[in-house]
Structure formats: structure tokens, C-alpha cells
Amino acid sequence: AARRRIRRARDAAAAPRRGRVVAVAAAASPGKESPMAASATADSVAPPPTMMQDEEEEGPNQGYFPHRPTPLLDALGDEGTHPLKSMSIEQLKELAEEVRWQVLDAVSVTGGHLGAGLGVVELTVALHHVYDTPRDEICWDVAHQCQPHKVLTGRRSEIYTLRQGGGLAGFAKRKESVYDAFGAGHSTTSISAAVGFETARDRLGKEGHSIAVIGDGAITGGMAWEAMNHAGGMRSKVVVILNDNGQVSLPTFYNKVTTPVGALSETLASTALGDDSGLRMQDSFAKLETSEGFQRGREFLKGVSKSMLPEQLSSAAAKLDEYTRDFVKTVPFKGSGSGSRGELFEQLGFYYVGPIDGNNLETLIEVLSNIKREHEEGLINKPVFLHIKTKKGHGYEPAQKASDKLHAVKPKFNVPKPPGNSEDAPQATGAPPLTKVFADALVKEAEADDKIVAITAAMPGGTGIGIFEKHFGPERTFDVGIAEQHAVTFAGGLAAGGLKPFCAIYSTFLQRGYDQLVHDV
């Protein structure tokens, strides 16, 4: 049955055909609807699509979103990313909108991760336009955001088989495509992989670039810092792109938790939504500080200071460059990422750029093109850390309004449920979810014993620790970010210190804490 579904999907997507799905879409809230969704009343809701309905339309459309023309994607087909190189900015913007629609329509059939992919559509288009993929490797951290990447890299005809038996993987997978440079599915590995690719290229005398795309959640893991420490020390010309969307945990904001966890989140500083004037100013400065003229000016002044100043003053002059750029980045313009201290990354040997608007295609293309050129010409002889601010769920209003930004969804997530038939409504019969059973039991124990504390590694919702936090607050609840190694040994230290820690981690993610479990606990 799975093979038949895949075959139908491939056949339908590969050629123009008759049929489209009648538009049905969920409203963001009662009385409101998404700009990418059509309203549906009880009388107008179409029956579940059967993948074929009689209307003359061109292009693949099998999901639950209103049909839209996709001429650029249709022309691209499964050819790969090379045609993107010759597209104009306006064409690339239109392509981004087509890709966003395609991701929404496919995930409405398959379910799975959604919000993160919507947020990086512009970044994905820009990377494939600027860099020579697949020669230049893009390492997606976790890779739950790689649906736009798969649409553009020769797999659109199979996109409706995401996460289906025999279909496309939900993450990057080397066996699936040469464009998937490194396998993923768990967190904090992209920088290490990209540094490996760049080092191998240098040793083999090959040309090209290696890019790691990592989120502000994944960068809380220690392996990312191990890799940056190594890359900066050997001056690897790797490019690390921090996709900072202010969503560190799942959920990030709940109960009394009003800020993303961890000191790093405070250092990065969330972009204030609603006033982007400061961020636009940072965009302009990023274009300047990555421009050829700016870099040549820096090299000239460095040469002058080395030839005319004593060694100590010459070193001080070099630091002045870093401090001046850092000062500009921390000027408190609302929405600029004020407080984002690039000096942290500069001290690790990186050239820090940003923060910039990661949903602004023109800015992304100019800044990435500058970085690529200056690495090639030797004007920047060190790793670059590009800090971008994106909006998770960008371009789809219900995602941007949802507390979790529609991080992951079920099939037909946008189809209105008939009254009294909501999948999310409490059931009159049947057992409650095990997560709630665990959380309620832990709360009951903790009410009787004030030594009990709870730990989560960025998953308060999925583990039930959010329920514990609601009762006992942050004084007895610890979200350590995506740092399972630390979480487990932290629990060991708490226990050795006289407390009774409950460390709740998905079995999938505990693989990153096995050594600590065996050795420390």
C-alpha cells in the first residue's frame, strides 16, 4: 500500500494533470483566517481530497491547501539547484513563496515538522543561489527544517512521501541525495561536520565552501562549542549560520517562563517583533562590514599598525576593530538584536556578522555573496559566524500565532474539524496520556517532599515537566537547553548534594547522555 501511495504521488507530481484539491483551511482563531488559507463554512467544507478531482489545473497539488500556480518550481522540476544561479531577486522571491506553499501542502498530507522549515525558506533559497551546491556542503543541524531544501534539490516529485514508508526521510539523509551532505536527525552536530568537510577539502586541495546551519536551541549543546573552539583555533574557513528564532525549548514560553532559557539566549537577545527598524539598520551594517571595500580597508589599517606601532599597541589596535563593531551591534535600537555580543564569537576566532533579518532575501544574498567572495579572495582568513534573526512559521499566520509556532503538526492540520469531533477534545473514555500520568504523579510526590526537583533538556511540553513547573515554578524546575550530557551529570550532582532529581529525557535524545548515565550517575 505504501509503494502504491508513493507511486501515485510521483506520477501525479511529475506531470501536468487534471485535478486539484478544493480549498479547506483552518483559521488561526475563530473569525480569522490565514492569508494562505481559504475560509470554510459547514456548508462549503469539501470532503477529504481523494488526490484527484476534476478541474483543469497544472502542477502537483495533492494536499489540503488552496491550489496556487508554481511556474518557477514547475520549470525547475527535479533538475536540482543550478537554475537558481541565474534567477533575479524578484524571481527568487517568487520562488520562495512557491516553496513555502509546497511545504505547507505536502505537510498537510504527511504531518511532521513545519514551523522551522517555514522560517528558513528564504535562507534555503539564498544558500542554493549563492553557493555551488552540492559541491559546497550545507550541513543542516537536526534537519527538521530541511523540507524547503528537499523541494529545491530534485525531490519535489516525491515531497508528498515525506515520512512515509519507502518515501523521503523527514531529515537529511546522505543515501537519499547528494545534496544532503551529512545525515542528521539529532542535535548540535552540524558545526563539527562542516569543519570536517572544510578540513578535508583543504587537505585534498579542492575548492569550495562548507556551511553549517544551526538553531539557537541546538547551539545550547556543548558539542557546538567544542567545534567552534576547534574551528577558530585552526582558522578554518567554515561558515556557521545561527538561525536565531527565539524558540529554544518546546514550548519556549509557558506558565511563569517568559524568556528563553540560558545565558546564551540573553546574550543573543531576541528580536522585538513589530518594530524592525533597528534590524534593518543592522542589515545595512552587515552589508558594509562584509563588503570588499571594508575588508580591504581593515587589511590596510592592520598593515599600517603592524609596521608603525609597537607589538602591544598593534594588538590593541586590532582589538579596537572588534570592539567598535561589537559596540555598533549592541546599540539599543528596538528590534535590532540589541545586546547580541559578537565579541563572544570573535574571541573564539570567528569573524562575527549580524544580526541580520533572515527572512529578507535581498540582505541574505548580498551578505552571503560577500562572505563567499572574501573567503575565496583571502580577505577573510578565518571562520565566519553569521547571526540571522528569523520568525519560526514565517509566511503562515496560524503558525506565527501558535504558542509552539506549529513546530510539528498532524496530517490535515489546516482542515476545520466538525463541531464535537476535534482530535484535540478531551475523550470521555480511555486512559490519559502517559506523559500526564507521569507529571501528575511527580507533582503528587513533590507536594509531600520538597527535596524533589525536575530537569528537562528543552522539552518541558513533551516530557510533562511543564506541568511540574506550573505547580512549583523555576525554583524547583530546571530547563538546561539541548544539553543532555549536562542534564544527566547535573542530576547526579543534585543527588550527591542531597536533593531528589527527576531527569526526564526522551529515549531518542538520551543517547547523547549515555556516557554520563553510566559513568556519573
Protein backbone atom coordinates (compact mmCIF):
# COMPACT_ATOMS: atom_id res chain seq x y z
CA ALA A 1 0.00 0.00 0.00
CA ALA A 2 2.86 2.37 0.83
CA ARG A 3 4.50 1.66 -2.52
CA ARG A 4 1.22 2.36 -4.32
CA ARG A 5 0.83 5.68 -2.50
CA ILE A 6 4.38 6.68 -3.37
CA ARG A 7 3.92 5.67 -6.99
CA ARG A 8 0.71 7.73 -7.24
CA ALA A 9 2.43 10.70 -5.63
CA ARG A 10 5.39 10.51 -8.01
CA ASP A 11 3.18 10.12 -11.07
CA ALA A 12 0.94 12.98 -10.01
CA ALA A 13 3.78 15.36 -9.26
CA ALA A 14 5.92 14.53 -12.26
CA ALA A 15 3.49 15.64 -14.98
CA PRO A 16 0.71 18.18 -15.52
CA ARG A 17 -2.60 16.58 -14.68
CA ARG A 18 -6.23 17.24 -14.15
CA GLY A 19 -7.47 17.84 -10.67
CA ARG A 20 -6.87 19.88 -7.63
CA VAL A 21 -7.98 19.84 -4.05
CA VAL A 22 -10.85 22.11 -3.09
CA ALA A 23 -9.57 24.72 -0.63
CA VAL A 24 -10.17 23.97 3.03
CA ALA A 25 -8.05 25.55 5.70
CA ALA A 26 -8.04 26.08 9.42
CA ALA A 27 -8.47 29.59 10.74
CA ALA A 28 -5.82 31.00 13.04
CA SER A 29 -8.57 31.65 15.59
CA PRO A 30 -12.37 31.89 15.45
CA GLY A 31 -13.34 34.53 12.95
CA LYS A 32 -9.84 34.87 11.48
CA GLU A 33 -8.15 33.12 8.62
CA SER A 34 -4.66 32.74 7.27
CA PRO A 35 -3.62 34.78 4.24
CA MET A 36 -2.60 31.44 2.70
CA ALA A 37 -5.85 29.73 3.63
CA ALA A 38 -9.40 29.90 2.34
CA SER A 39 -12.29 30.11 4.78
CA ALA A 40 -14.62 27.17 5.00
CA THR A 41 -18.13 27.04 6.47
CA ALA A 42 -20.02 23.88 7.37
CA ASP A 43 -21.77 24.03 4.01
CA SER A 44 -18.64 24.72 1.97
CA VAL A 45 -16.15 22.29 3.53
CA ALA A 46 -15.07 19.82 0.91
CA PRO A 47 -14.85 16.12 1.67
CA PRO A 48 -11.33 14.80 2.28
CA PRO A 49 -9.46 15.05 -1.02
CA THR A 50 -9.05 11.86 -2.97
CA MET A 51 -5.93 13.19 -4.75
CA MET A 52 -7.95 13.58 -7.97
CA GLN A 53 -10.82 15.97 -8.59
CA ASP A 54 -12.00 17.23 -11.94
CA GLU A 55 -10.70 20.73 -12.56
CA GLU A 56 -8.17 21.73 -15.14
CA GLU A 57 -5.04 22.78 -13.20
CA GLU A 58 -1.36 22.44 -13.89
CA GLY A 59 1.28 21.24 -11.46
CA PRO A 60 1.38 18.97 -8.42
CA ASN A 61 -1.27 19.52 -5.79
CA GLN A 62 -2.40 16.72 -3.56
CA GLY A 63 -2.76 18.35 -0.18
CA TYR A 64 -5.28 20.35 1.77
CA PHE A 65 -4.23 23.87 0.81
CA PRO A 66 -5.74 26.03 -1.93
CA HIS A 67 -4.08 25.43 -5.25
CA ARG A 68 -1.68 28.09 -6.50
CA PRO A 69 0.39 28.29 -9.67
CA THR A 70 4.06 27.32 -9.22
CA PRO A 71 5.64 28.16 -12.60
CA LEU A 72 9.21 28.51 -11.28
CA LEU A 73 9.11 25.25 -9.35
CA ASP A 74 7.46 23.54 -12.31
CA ALA A 75 10.27 24.74 -14.58
CA LEU A 76 12.86 23.63 -12.05
CA GLY A 77 11.34 20.16 -11.83
CA ASP A 78 13.79 17.69 -10.32
CA GLU A 79 16.76 19.22 -12.10
CA GLY A 80 18.47 20.48 -8.95
CA THR A 81 19.62 23.93 -7.86
CA HIS A 82 21.79 25.15 -10.76
CA PRO A 83 18.99 27.18 -12.45
CA LEU A 84 18.75 29.27 -9.26
CA LYS A 85 22.13 30.85 -10.02
CA SER A 86 20.73 32.86 -12.94
CA MET A 87 17.46 33.94 -11.31
CA SER A 88 16.82 37.59 -10.49
CA ILE A 89 15.96 38.77 -6.98
CA GLU A 90 12.29 39.10 -7.94
CA GLN A 91 12.25 35.56 -9.35
CA LEU A 92 13.92 34.25 -6.22
CA LYS A 93 11.31 35.97 -4.04
CA GLU A 94 8.53 34.38 -6.06
CA LEU A 95 10.31 31.03 -5.90
CA ALA A 96 10.43 31.33 -2.10
CA GLU A 97 6.67 31.81 -1.95
CA GLU A 98 6.13 28.79 -4.21
CA VAL A 99 8.42 26.70 -1.99
CA ARG A 100 6.55 27.82 1.13
CA TRP A 101 3.24 26.80 -0.39
CA GLN A 102 4.69 23.45 -1.46
CA VAL A 103 5.95 22.71 2.06
CA LEU A 104 2.57 23.60 3.59
CA ASP A 105 0.66 21.49 1.09
CA ALA A 106 2.93 18.46 1.49
CA VAL A 107 2.97 18.56 5.30
CA SER A 108 -0.83 18.87 5.32
CA VAL A 109 -0.77 15.33 3.88
CA THR A 110 2.13 13.75 5.75
CA GLY A 111 2.24 15.64 9.04
CA GLY A 112 5.56 16.26 10.75
CA HIS A 113 7.78 19.27 11.39
CA LEU A 114 6.55 22.51 9.88
CA GLY A 115 7.31 25.81 11.66
CA ALA A 116 11.09 25.58 11.44
CA GLY A 117 11.01 24.83 7.72
CA LEU A 118 8.72 27.78 7.01
CA GLY A 119 11.14 30.06 8.84
CA VAL A 120 14.15 29.15 6.68
CA VAL A 121 12.61 29.25 3.20
CA GLU A 122 14.41 32.49 2.30
CA LEU A 123 17.68 31.23 3.79
CA THR A 124 17.41 27.98 1.81
CA VAL A 125 16.79 29.80 -1.47
CA ALA A 126 19.66 32.22 -0.77
CA LEU A 127 22.14 29.44 0.08
CA HIS A 128 21.39 27.49 -3.09
CA HIS A 129 21.57 30.70 -5.16
CA VAL A 130 24.91 31.89 -3.76
CA TYR A 131 26.79 28.64 -3.19
CA ASP A 132 27.64 25.90 -5.67
CA THR A 133 25.64 23.05 -4.17
CA PRO A 134 26.09 20.11 -3.94
CA ARG A 135 29.85 20.76 -4.26
CA ASP A 136 29.56 23.25 -1.41
CA GLU A 137 28.19 21.33 1.55
CA ILE A 138 25.27 22.61 3.63
CA CYS A 139 25.07 20.82 6.98
CA TRP A 140 21.61 21.29 8.50
CA ASP A 141 21.60 20.88 12.25
CA VAL A 142 18.84 18.46 13.30
CA ALA A 143 17.49 18.92 9.72
CA HIS A 144 13.86 19.06 10.83
CA GLN A 145 13.83 22.31 8.82
CA CYS A 146 15.02 20.79 5.54
CA GLN A 147 11.71 20.39 3.63
CA PRO A 148 12.38 23.56 1.55
CA HIS A 149 15.86 22.17 0.84
CA LYS A 150 14.34 18.90 -0.39
CA VAL A 151 11.83 20.70 -2.61
CA LEU A 152 14.66 22.56 -4.35
CA THR A 153 17.13 19.69 -4.65
CA GLY A 154 15.48 17.31 -7.07
CA ARG A 155 12.90 15.75 -4.76
CA ARG A 156 9.79 17.75 -5.33
CA SER A 157 8.16 14.89 -7.20
CA GLU A 158 8.44 12.81 -4.01
CA ILE A 159 7.69 15.52 -1.45
CA TYR A 160 4.27 14.04 -0.63
CA THR A 161 6.04 10.88 0.58
CA LEU A 162 7.82 12.64 3.47
CA ARG A 163 7.97 10.34 6.50
CA GLN A 164 6.08 7.58 4.66
CA GLY A 165 7.34 4.02 4.35
CA GLY A 166 9.69 3.89 1.37
CA GLY A 167 9.40 7.64 0.87
CA LEU A 168 11.55 10.65 1.72
CA ALA A 169 13.10 10.88 5.16
CA GLY A 170 11.94 13.66 7.47
CA PHE A 171 15.57 14.70 7.96
CA ALA A 172 18.71 14.99 5.84
CA LYS A 173 19.88 11.59 4.60
CA ARG A 174 23.08 11.02 2.61
CA LYS A 175 21.76 7.97 0.76
CA GLU A 176 18.77 9.97 -0.43
CA SER A 177 20.55 12.79 -2.27
CA VAL A 178 24.00 14.20 -2.99
CA TYR A 179 22.60 17.50 -1.71
CA ASP A 180 22.24 16.01 1.79
CA ALA A 181 25.88 16.44 2.72
CA PHE A 182 25.60 14.95 6.19
CA GLY A 183 22.99 12.82 7.91
CA ALA A 184 21.08 14.38 10.77
CA GLY A 185 18.05 13.82 12.95
CA HIS A 186 19.58 14.79 16.26
CA SER A 187 21.11 17.99 17.53
CA THR A 188 24.31 20.05 17.71
CA THR A 189 26.39 18.12 15.15
CA SER A 190 26.40 20.47 12.13
CA ILE A 191 29.42 22.62 13.00
CA SER A 192 31.65 19.60 13.65
CA ALA A 193 30.60 18.08 10.32
CA ALA A 194 31.14 21.32 8.39
CA VAL A 195 34.59 21.78 9.94
CA GLY A 196 35.39 18.22 8.88
CA PHE A 197 34.29 18.90 5.30
CA GLU A 198 36.32 22.11 5.15
CA THR A 199 39.43 20.45 6.58
CA ALA A 200 39.16 17.52 4.15
CA ARG A 201 38.83 19.98 1.26
CA ASP A 202 41.96 21.83 2.36
CA ARG A 203 43.96 18.61 2.71
CA LEU A 204 42.85 17.37 -0.71
CA GLY A 205 43.45 20.69 -2.42
CA LYS A 206 39.84 21.09 -3.54
CA GLU A 207 37.86 24.31 -3.96
CA GLY A 208 34.55 25.06 -2.30
CA HIS A 209 32.84 26.06 0.91
CA SER A 210 31.26 24.33 3.90
CA ILE A 211 28.29 25.82 5.71
CA ALA A 212 26.64 24.80 8.99
CA VAL A 213 23.10 25.98 9.76
CA ILE A 214 22.35 25.67 13.47
CA GLY A 215 19.45 26.97 15.58
CA ASP A 216 19.51 28.88 18.83
CA GLY A 217 18.21 25.75 20.54
CA ALA A 218 20.84 23.41 19.10
CA ILE A 219 23.69 25.79 19.86
CA THR A 220 22.99 25.38 23.59
CA GLY A 221 24.60 21.93 23.30
CA GLY A 222 28.23 21.59 24.25
CA MET A 223 29.37 19.88 21.03
CA ALA A 224 28.71 23.10 19.08
CA TRP A 225 31.17 24.96 21.30
CA GLU A 226 33.75 22.19 21.07
CA ALA A 227 33.56 22.52 17.27
CA MET A 228 33.76 26.33 17.30
CA ASN A 229 36.73 26.21 19.65
CA HIS A 230 38.49 23.86 17.22
CA ALA A 231 37.49 25.77 14.07
CA GLY A 232 38.61 29.12 15.45
CA GLY A 233 41.88 27.69 16.69
CA MET A 234 42.90 26.37 13.27
CA ARG A 235 41.30 29.27 11.36
CA SER A 236 39.07 27.02 9.28
CA LYS A 237 37.16 28.96 6.62
CA VAL A 238 33.88 27.33 7.60
CA VAL A 239 30.69 29.44 7.68
CA VAL A 240 28.41 28.97 10.70
CA ILE A 241 24.91 30.41 10.30
CA LEU A 242 23.00 30.81 13.55
CA ASN A 243 19.27 30.61 12.80
CA ASP A 244 18.02 32.55 15.81
CA ASN A 245 14.23 32.44 16.07
CA GLY A 246 13.94 32.82 19.84
CA GLN A 247 12.49 29.31 20.20
CA VAL A 248 14.95 27.48 22.42
CA SER A 249 12.67 24.95 24.16
CA LEU A 250 9.36 23.25 23.30
CA PRO A 251 7.49 25.28 24.32
CA THR A 252 9.81 28.24 24.97
CA PHE A 253 7.22 30.32 26.83
CA TYR A 254 4.83 28.64 29.27
CA ASN A 255 3.43 29.14 32.78
CA LYS A 256 5.83 31.55 34.52
CA VAL A 257 8.58 31.10 31.91
CA THR A 258 8.64 34.33 29.90
CA THR A 259 12.17 34.31 28.43
CA PRO A 260 14.19 31.67 26.55
CA VAL A 261 16.32 29.61 28.92
CA GLY A 262 20.01 30.15 29.42
CA ALA A 263 22.53 32.97 29.47
CA LEU A 264 23.28 32.47 25.76
CA SER A 265 19.72 33.45 24.84
CA GLU A 266 20.17 36.66 26.81
CA THR A 267 23.45 37.31 25.01
CA LEU A 268 21.88 36.74 21.58
CA ALA A 269 18.89 38.91 22.53
CA SER A 270 15.55 38.23 20.88
CA THR A 271 14.38 40.45 18.07
CA ALA A 272 11.44 42.55 19.19
CA LEU A 273 8.57 41.80 16.84
CA GLY A 274 6.58 44.71 15.50
CA ASP A 275 9.45 47.16 15.12
CA ASP A 276 12.08 46.06 12.64
CA SER A 277 13.71 49.45 12.10
CA GLY A 278 16.71 48.51 14.24
CA LEU A 279 17.13 45.21 12.44
CA ARG A 280 17.09 46.99 9.09
CA MET A 281 19.93 49.19 10.33
CA GLN A 282 21.86 46.07 11.31
CA ASP A 283 21.22 44.67 7.82
CA SER A 284 22.86 47.76 6.33
CA PHE A 285 25.84 47.50 8.66
CA ALA A 286 26.28 43.79 7.86
CA LYS A 287 26.39 44.59 4.15
CA LEU A 288 29.06 47.20 4.90
CA GLU A 289 31.23 45.04 7.18
CA THR A 290 31.25 42.18 4.65
CA SER A 291 31.90 44.41 1.64
CA GLU A 292 35.17 44.24 -0.27
CA GLY A 293 36.00 47.89 0.40
CA PHE A 294 35.53 47.49 4.16
CA GLN A 295 37.68 44.34 4.27
CA ARG A 296 40.45 45.91 2.20
CA GLY A 297 40.37 48.93 4.48
CA ARG A 298 40.70 46.69 7.53
CA GLU A 299 43.67 44.89 5.98
CA PHE A 300 45.35 48.20 5.13
CA LEU A 301 44.96 49.57 8.65
CA LYS A 302 46.20 46.31 10.14
CA GLY A 303 49.29 46.51 7.96
CA VAL A 304 49.92 50.12 8.97
CA SER A 305 49.53 49.38 12.68
CA LYS A 306 51.91 46.41 12.49
CA SER A 307 54.58 48.39 10.66
CA MET A 308 54.37 51.60 12.66
CA LEU A 309 53.29 50.60 16.18
CA PRO A 310 54.99 48.51 18.86
CA GLU A 311 53.63 44.98 19.18
CA GLN A 312 51.50 45.73 22.23
CA LEU A 313 49.86 48.78 20.64
CA SER A 314 49.39 46.90 17.37
CA SER A 315 47.47 44.15 19.22
CA ALA A 316 45.39 46.81 20.95
CA ALA A 317 44.55 48.39 17.59
CA ALA A 318 43.37 45.01 16.28
CA LYS A 319 41.09 44.66 19.31
CA LEU A 320 39.74 48.16 18.71
CA ASP A 321 38.31 46.94 15.39
CA GLU A 322 36.45 44.12 17.16
CA TYR A 323 35.19 46.33 19.99
CA THR A 324 33.98 49.05 17.61
CA ARG A 325 31.96 46.61 15.51
CA ASP A 326 30.63 44.98 18.69
CA PHE A 327 29.54 48.38 20.01
CA VAL A 328 27.56 49.10 16.85
CA LYS A 329 25.79 45.74 17.15
CA THR A 330 24.73 46.45 20.73
CA VAL A 331 23.31 49.93 20.18
CA PRO A 332 19.85 49.61 21.73
CA PHE A 333 17.66 50.03 18.67
CA LYS A 334 14.47 48.13 19.35
CA GLY A 335 14.29 45.08 17.13
CA SER A 336 17.98 45.12 16.25
CA GLY A 337 19.03 42.24 18.44
CA SER A 338 20.37 44.77 20.93
CA GLY A 339 22.67 43.04 23.36
CA SER A 340 23.88 40.48 20.84
CA ARG A 341 27.53 40.47 21.82
CA GLY A 342 29.55 39.38 18.84
CA GLU A 343 32.70 39.63 20.93
CA LEU A 344 31.83 36.22 22.41
CA PHE A 345 32.32 34.63 18.99
CA GLU A 346 35.20 36.89 17.98
CA GLN A 347 37.15 35.61 20.99
CA LEU A 348 36.68 32.08 19.65
CA GLY A 349 38.43 33.14 16.43
CA PHE A 350 35.37 33.85 14.27
CA TYR A 351 34.52 36.93 12.23
CA TYR A 352 31.04 37.73 13.59
CA VAL A 353 28.46 39.26 11.23
CA GLY A 354 24.95 40.30 12.21
CA PRO A 355 22.35 40.09 13.46
CA ILE A 356 20.52 40.42 10.13
CA ASP A 357 16.97 39.72 9.01
CA GLY A 358 16.98 36.07 7.97
CA ASN A 359 13.64 36.43 6.19
CA ASN A 360 14.93 39.25 3.95
CA LEU A 361 16.12 37.55 0.78
CA GLU A 362 17.99 40.56 -0.63
CA THR A 363 20.02 41.04 2.55
CA LEU A 364 20.82 37.33 2.81
CA ILE A 365 22.03 37.12 -0.79
CA GLU A 366 24.25 40.21 -0.54
CA VAL A 367 25.82 39.25 2.78
CA LEU A 368 26.35 35.59 1.82
CA SER A 369 27.82 36.61 -1.55
CA ASN A 370 30.24 38.95 0.23
CA ILE A 371 31.32 36.25 2.68
CA LYS A 372 31.81 33.72 -0.10
CA ARG A 373 33.89 36.13 -2.20
CA GLU A 374 36.08 37.26 0.69
CA HIS A 375 36.83 33.70 1.76
CA GLU A 376 37.84 32.95 -1.83
CA GLU A 377 40.00 36.08 -2.18
CA GLY A 378 41.63 35.67 1.21
CA LEU A 379 40.26 38.93 2.63
CA ILE A 380 38.74 36.90 5.48
CA ASN A 381 41.07 34.09 6.57
CA LYS A 382 39.08 32.72 9.47
CA PRO A 383 35.68 31.13 10.12
CA VAL A 384 32.63 33.39 9.81
CA PHE A 385 29.72 33.37 12.25
CA LEU A 386 26.62 34.82 10.55
CA HIS A 387 23.85 35.58 13.03
CA ILE A 388 20.40 35.74 11.41
CA LYS A 389 17.05 36.50 13.03
CA THR A 390 14.13 34.55 11.61
CA LYS A 391 10.49 34.06 12.50
CA LYS A 392 9.53 30.45 13.01
CA GLY A 393 6.44 29.77 10.90
CA HIS A 394 7.14 32.82 8.71
CA GLY A 395 4.59 33.41 5.97
CA TYR A 396 1.80 31.35 7.54
CA GLU A 397 -0.24 33.31 10.04
CA PRO A 398 -1.62 30.40 12.11
CA ALA A 399 1.94 29.19 12.72
CA GLN A 400 3.15 32.60 13.81
CA LYS A 401 0.23 32.92 16.25
CA ALA A 402 0.58 29.42 17.73
CA SER A 403 2.47 29.13 21.02
CA ASP A 404 4.78 26.47 19.52
CA LYS A 405 4.83 28.14 16.06
CA LEU A 406 3.38 24.86 14.71
CA HIS A 407 6.67 23.12 15.39
CA ALA A 408 5.11 19.78 14.43
CA VAL A 409 1.64 19.01 13.13
CA LYS A 410 -0.66 16.12 12.27
CA PRO A 411 -1.93 15.44 8.75
CA LYS A 412 -4.86 17.70 7.78
CA PHE A 413 -3.69 20.22 10.38
CA ASN A 414 -5.39 23.03 8.46
CA VAL A 415 -8.73 21.29 7.85
CA PRO A 416 -11.52 22.54 10.15
CA LYS A 417 -12.88 19.82 12.41
CA PRO A 418 -16.66 19.37 12.53
CA PRO A 419 -18.17 20.55 15.85
CA GLY A 420 -17.76 17.94 18.56
CA ASN A 421 -15.28 15.95 16.50
CA SER A 422 -11.99 17.66 17.36
CA GLU A 423 -8.99 15.38 17.71
CA ASP A 424 -7.78 17.63 20.49
CA ALA A 425 -11.01 17.50 22.50
CA PRO A 426 -10.83 15.50 25.75
CA GLN A 427 -12.16 11.99 25.34
CA ALA A 428 -14.97 10.77 27.56
CA THR A 429 -13.40 7.34 27.85
CA GLY A 430 -9.90 5.90 27.69
CA ALA A 431 -6.72 6.42 29.68
CA PRO A 432 -4.98 9.81 29.86
CA PRO A 433 -1.62 10.16 28.08
CA LEU A 434 1.30 8.57 29.91
CA THR A 435 3.10 11.93 29.93
CA LYS A 436 0.30 13.43 32.05
CA VAL A 437 0.16 10.37 34.30
CA PHE A 438 3.87 10.75 34.97
CA ALA A 439 3.66 14.52 35.53
CA ASP A 440 0.67 14.29 37.89
CA ALA A 441 2.33 11.53 39.89
CA LEU A 442 5.54 13.55 40.14
CA VAL A 443 3.60 16.60 41.31
CA LYS A 444 1.90 14.50 43.99
CA GLU A 445 5.25 13.18 45.25
CA ALA A 446 6.80 16.65 45.17
CA GLU A 447 3.95 18.10 47.24
CA ALA A 448 4.94 15.72 50.01
CA ASP A 449 8.72 16.07 49.60
CA ASP A 450 10.30 19.46 48.96
CA LYS A 451 13.63 17.83 48.04
CA ILE A 452 12.18 16.64 44.74
CA VAL A 453 13.21 18.72 41.69
CA ALA A 454 12.70 18.19 37.95
CA ILE A 455 15.02 18.55 34.96
CA THR A 456 14.28 18.75 31.23
CA ALA A 457 16.56 19.22 28.24
CA ALA A 458 14.48 21.77 26.28
CA MET A 459 11.37 19.54 26.20
CA PRO A 460 9.07 20.73 29.02
CA GLY A 461 5.96 20.02 26.96
CA GLY A 462 6.76 16.57 25.65
CA THR A 463 8.13 15.24 28.96
CA GLY A 464 5.44 16.66 31.26
CA ILE A 465 7.95 18.77 33.20
CA GLY A 466 5.96 21.85 32.17
CA ILE A 467 3.12 20.57 34.38
CA PHE A 468 5.58 20.24 37.27
CA GLU A 469 6.83 23.80 36.64
CA LYS A 470 3.26 25.13 36.77
CA HIS A 471 2.96 23.88 40.36
CA PHE A 472 6.45 24.58 41.69
CA GLY A 473 7.94 27.28 39.44
CA PRO A 474 11.53 27.68 38.24
CA GLU A 475 12.95 27.28 41.75
CA ARG A 476 12.39 23.51 41.52
CA THR A 477 12.31 23.11 37.72
CA PHE A 478 15.42 23.25 35.54
CA ASP A 479 15.41 23.51 31.74
CA VAL A 480 19.06 23.15 30.68
CA GLY A 481 18.51 23.57 26.92
CA ILE A 482 19.53 20.88 24.42
CA ALA A 483 22.27 19.66 26.73
CA GLU A 484 21.52 16.09 27.75
CA GLN A 485 25.10 15.42 28.88
CA HIS A 486 24.91 18.31 31.31
CA ALA A 487 21.36 17.39 32.36
CA VAL A 488 22.34 13.88 33.44
CA THR A 489 25.51 14.84 35.32
CA PHE A 490 23.73 17.88 36.80
CA ALA A 491 21.15 15.43 38.15
CA GLY A 492 23.99 13.35 39.59
CA GLY A 493 25.38 16.41 41.35
CA LEU A 494 21.97 17.35 42.70
CA ALA A 495 21.53 13.84 44.07
CA ALA A 496 25.00 13.83 45.61
CA GLY A 497 24.15 17.18 47.17
CA GLY A 498 21.06 15.82 48.92
CA LEU A 499 18.16 16.53 46.53
CA LYS A 500 15.97 14.04 44.65
CA PRO A 501 16.16 14.95 40.96
CA PHE A 502 13.85 13.54 38.29
CA CYS A 503 15.56 13.95 34.91
CA ALA A 504 13.03 13.41 32.11
CA ILE A 505 14.57 12.85 28.66
CA TYR A 506 13.20 11.20 25.51
CA SER A 507 14.87 7.85 24.86
CA THR A 508 15.80 9.18 21.40
CA PHE A 509 17.73 12.04 22.96
CA LEU A 510 19.21 10.18 25.91
CA GLN A 511 21.74 8.65 23.51
CA ARG A 512 23.62 11.93 23.96
CA GLY A 513 23.84 11.26 27.71
CA TYR A 514 24.76 7.55 27.87
CA ASP A 515 28.33 8.14 29.00
CA GLN A 516 27.15 10.39 31.81
CA LEU A 517 24.45 7.91 32.80
CA VAL A 518 26.94 5.05 33.01
CA HIS A 519 29.89 6.94 34.46
CA ASP A 520 28.44 9.79 36.53
CA VAL A 521 25.08 8.52 37.75
